């Protein structure tokens, strides 16, 4: 029996930006309108078919509240790619992405990143140009998603799987 390669990826960003909703939409195919905030960390696994191989993605959902910062560092270890998620309706969540990136790089010295603008189905406060400029400044790609509608969600996790596998 062949074992699938397991690739750890991290989904990080402020609380309430929709990290857990994106993961649940991808792994379970559903969206819940009410959610309890993630405490500490949570994870799910999902197989992903890349062009020439199937991998198992271990998706780590980091709690966004400051009180969990001390515990998060240990959970970044071993990650191969990270999504920096912000809420397109909350400029402050966009402004905090550099802090999230720094926190991850404090544990994992080299890491490919993907910048994710979530809640594209709502009225935006952060422009595509702003998001693209930030992503370019850190050598990352940018994608917009909606956990509610599912827009961009498969592409988000396929991109993370590809970057984690190929490096």
Protein backbone atom coordinates (compact mmCIF):
# COMPACT_ATOMS: atom_id res chain seq x y z
CA UNK A 1 0.00 0.00 0.00
CA UNK A 2 1.45 3.37 -1.02
CA UNK A 3 1.37 6.08 1.59
CA UNK A 4 0.44 9.58 0.51
CA UNK A 5 2.89 12.37 1.26
CA UNK A 6 1.53 14.49 4.14
CA UNK A 7 2.09 18.23 3.74
CA UNK A 8 1.48 20.59 6.64
CA UNK A 9 0.13 24.03 5.75
CA UNK A 10 -0.92 26.90 8.00
CA UNK A 11 -3.90 29.24 7.68
CA UNK A 12 -3.22 32.38 9.74
CA UNK A 13 -4.78 35.80 10.24
CA UNK A 14 -6.82 37.85 12.68
CA UNK A 15 -9.84 36.38 14.44
CA UNK A 16 -13.11 36.57 12.47
CA UNK A 17 -11.49 36.84 9.01
CA UNK A 18 -13.00 33.46 8.06
CA UNK A 19 -10.08 31.03 8.34
CA UNK A 20 -12.15 28.22 9.85
CA UNK A 21 -15.01 28.86 7.42
CA UNK A 22 -12.64 28.57 4.45
CA UNK A 23 -11.22 25.30 5.77
CA UNK A 24 -14.66 23.85 6.47
CA UNK A 25 -15.93 24.92 3.05
CA UNK A 26 -13.00 23.11 1.46
CA UNK A 27 -12.90 19.97 3.62
CA UNK A 28 -16.60 19.51 4.38
CA UNK A 29 -18.29 21.45 1.59
CA UNK A 30 -20.39 23.52 3.97
CA UNK A 31 -20.70 26.99 5.44
CA UNK A 32 -22.07 27.74 8.90
CA UNK A 33 -23.46 31.22 9.51
CA UNK A 34 -22.64 31.04 13.22
CA UNK A 35 -19.31 29.79 14.53
CA UNK A 36 -17.51 29.57 17.83
CA UNK A 37 -14.04 31.09 17.65
CA UNK A 38 -11.14 28.68 17.31
CA UNK A 39 -9.36 28.14 20.62
CA UNK A 40 -5.63 27.61 20.20
CA UNK A 41 -5.38 25.58 17.04
CA UNK A 42 -7.46 23.14 15.02
CA UNK A 43 -6.62 21.05 11.99
CA UNK A 44 -8.23 19.03 9.24
CA UNK A 45 -6.86 16.82 6.51
CA UNK A 46 -7.87 16.58 2.90
CA UNK A 47 -6.40 14.75 -0.09
CA UNK A 48 -5.48 16.95 -3.02
CA UNK A 49 -4.75 15.82 -6.55
CA UNK A 50 -1.88 17.75 -8.06
CA UNK A 51 -0.88 17.33 -11.69
CA UNK A 52 1.11 14.15 -11.17
CA UNK A 53 0.55 13.04 -7.57
CA UNK A 54 -2.03 12.85 -4.82
CA UNK A 55 -1.01 14.36 -1.46
CA UNK A 56 -2.63 14.62 1.93
CA UNK A 57 -2.87 18.20 3.10
CA UNK A 58 -2.73 18.70 6.87
CA UNK A 59 -4.39 22.13 7.26
CA UNK A 60 -3.63 23.92 10.54
CA UNK A 61 -6.12 26.62 11.56
CA UNK A 62 -4.46 29.13 13.90
CA UNK A 63 -6.60 31.01 16.42
CA UNK A 64 -6.37 34.69 15.58
CA UNK A 65 -6.73 36.22 19.03
CA UNK A 66 -3.62 37.74 20.63
CA UNK A 67 -3.98 35.63 23.77
CA UNK A 68 -3.02 32.53 21.74
CA UNK A 69 0.18 34.02 20.28
CA UNK A 70 2.47 32.18 22.71
CA UNK A 71 1.10 28.77 21.79
CA UNK A 72 0.96 29.35 18.03
CA UNK A 73 4.73 29.39 17.50
CA UNK A 74 5.07 25.69 18.24
CA UNK A 75 2.34 24.82 15.77
CA UNK A 76 4.11 26.56 12.87
CA UNK A 77 6.99 24.05 13.04
CA UNK A 78 7.07 21.69 10.10
CA UNK A 79 4.75 23.78 7.92
CA UNK A 80 5.59 23.89 4.23
CA UNK A 81 3.37 26.81 3.10
CA UNK A 82 1.14 29.43 4.73
CA UNK A 83 -1.97 31.37 3.80
CA UNK A 84 -2.17 34.88 5.26
CA UNK A 85 -5.92 35.56 5.40
CA UNK A 86 -7.60 38.93 5.83
CA UNK A 87 -11.19 40.14 5.68
CA UNK A 88 -11.78 42.40 2.67
CA UNK A 89 -14.28 44.39 4.79
CA UNK A 90 -11.78 45.05 7.64
CA UNK A 91 -8.76 47.19 6.79
CA UNK A 92 -7.19 46.45 10.18
CA UNK A 93 -7.02 42.72 9.35
CA UNK A 94 -5.16 43.59 6.14
CA UNK A 95 -2.78 45.86 8.07
CA UNK A 96 -1.92 42.99 10.43
CA UNK A 97 -0.72 40.59 7.71
CA UNK A 98 2.92 41.63 8.06
CA UNK A 99 2.77 40.81 11.78
CA UNK A 100 1.36 37.37 10.97
CA UNK A 101 4.08 36.79 8.41
CA UNK A 102 6.74 37.81 10.92
CA UNK A 103 5.28 35.49 13.55
CA UNK A 104 5.45 32.52 11.16
CA UNK A 105 8.95 33.39 9.94
CA UNK A 106 10.06 33.59 13.58
CA UNK A 107 9.61 29.81 13.72
CA UNK A 108 9.95 28.65 10.11
CA UNK A 109 12.77 30.57 8.46
CA UNK A 110 11.70 30.00 4.86
CA UNK A 111 8.10 29.68 3.87
CA UNK A 112 6.08 30.28 0.69
CA UNK A 113 3.08 32.49 1.40
CA UNK A 114 -0.26 33.09 -0.27
CA UNK A 115 -2.19 36.27 0.58
CA UNK A 116 -5.94 35.61 0.77
CA UNK A 117 -8.64 38.29 0.74
CA UNK A 118 -11.77 36.61 2.11
CA UNK A 119 -15.41 37.74 2.04
CA UNK A 120 -15.31 38.97 -1.56
CA UNK A 121 -19.10 38.60 -1.54
CA UNK A 122 -19.39 41.60 0.82
CA UNK A 123 -18.62 45.29 0.41
CA UNK A 124 -14.85 45.63 0.23
CA UNK A 125 -12.68 48.11 2.13
CA UNK A 126 -9.35 46.84 0.75
CA UNK A 127 -8.71 47.21 -2.99
CA UNK A 128 -7.31 44.53 -5.27
CA UNK A 129 -4.42 46.91 -5.98
CA UNK A 130 -3.54 47.23 -2.27
CA UNK A 131 -3.66 43.48 -1.77
CA UNK A 132 -1.62 42.75 -4.90
CA UNK A 133 0.99 45.33 -3.88
CA UNK A 134 1.39 43.76 -0.44
CA UNK A 135 1.59 40.24 -1.90
CA UNK A 136 4.21 41.35 -4.43
CA UNK A 137 6.24 43.04 -1.68
CA UNK A 138 6.63 39.69 0.12
CA UNK A 139 7.02 37.55 -3.02
CA UNK A 140 3.57 35.97 -2.68
CA UNK A 141 0.57 35.47 -4.91
CA UNK A 142 -2.84 36.93 -4.09
CA UNK A 143 -6.27 35.31 -4.34
CA UNK A 144 -9.77 36.39 -3.34
CA UNK A 145 -12.24 33.98 -1.77
CA UNK A 146 -15.69 33.67 -0.28
CA UNK A 147 -16.27 30.94 2.28
CA UNK A 148 -20.00 31.67 1.90
CA UNK A 149 -20.23 31.04 -1.86
CA UNK A 150 -17.13 28.85 -2.24
CA UNK A 151 -15.54 31.24 -4.76
CA UNK A 152 -11.78 30.71 -4.92
CA UNK A 153 -11.72 28.15 -2.09
CA UNK A 154 -10.51 25.12 -4.09
CA UNK A 155 -7.87 27.28 -5.80
CA UNK A 156 -6.62 28.48 -2.39
CA UNK A 157 -5.93 24.99 -1.08
CA UNK A 158 -4.69 23.60 -4.39
CA UNK A 159 -2.19 26.46 -4.53
CA UNK A 160 -1.03 25.75 -0.95
CA UNK A 161 -0.67 22.04 -1.76
CA UNK A 162 1.34 22.80 -4.88
CA UNK A 163 3.67 25.23 -3.09
CA UNK A 164 4.09 22.86 -0.14
CA UNK A 165 4.92 19.94 -2.43
CA UNK A 166 7.17 21.71 -4.90
CA UNK A 167 8.75 24.13 -2.42
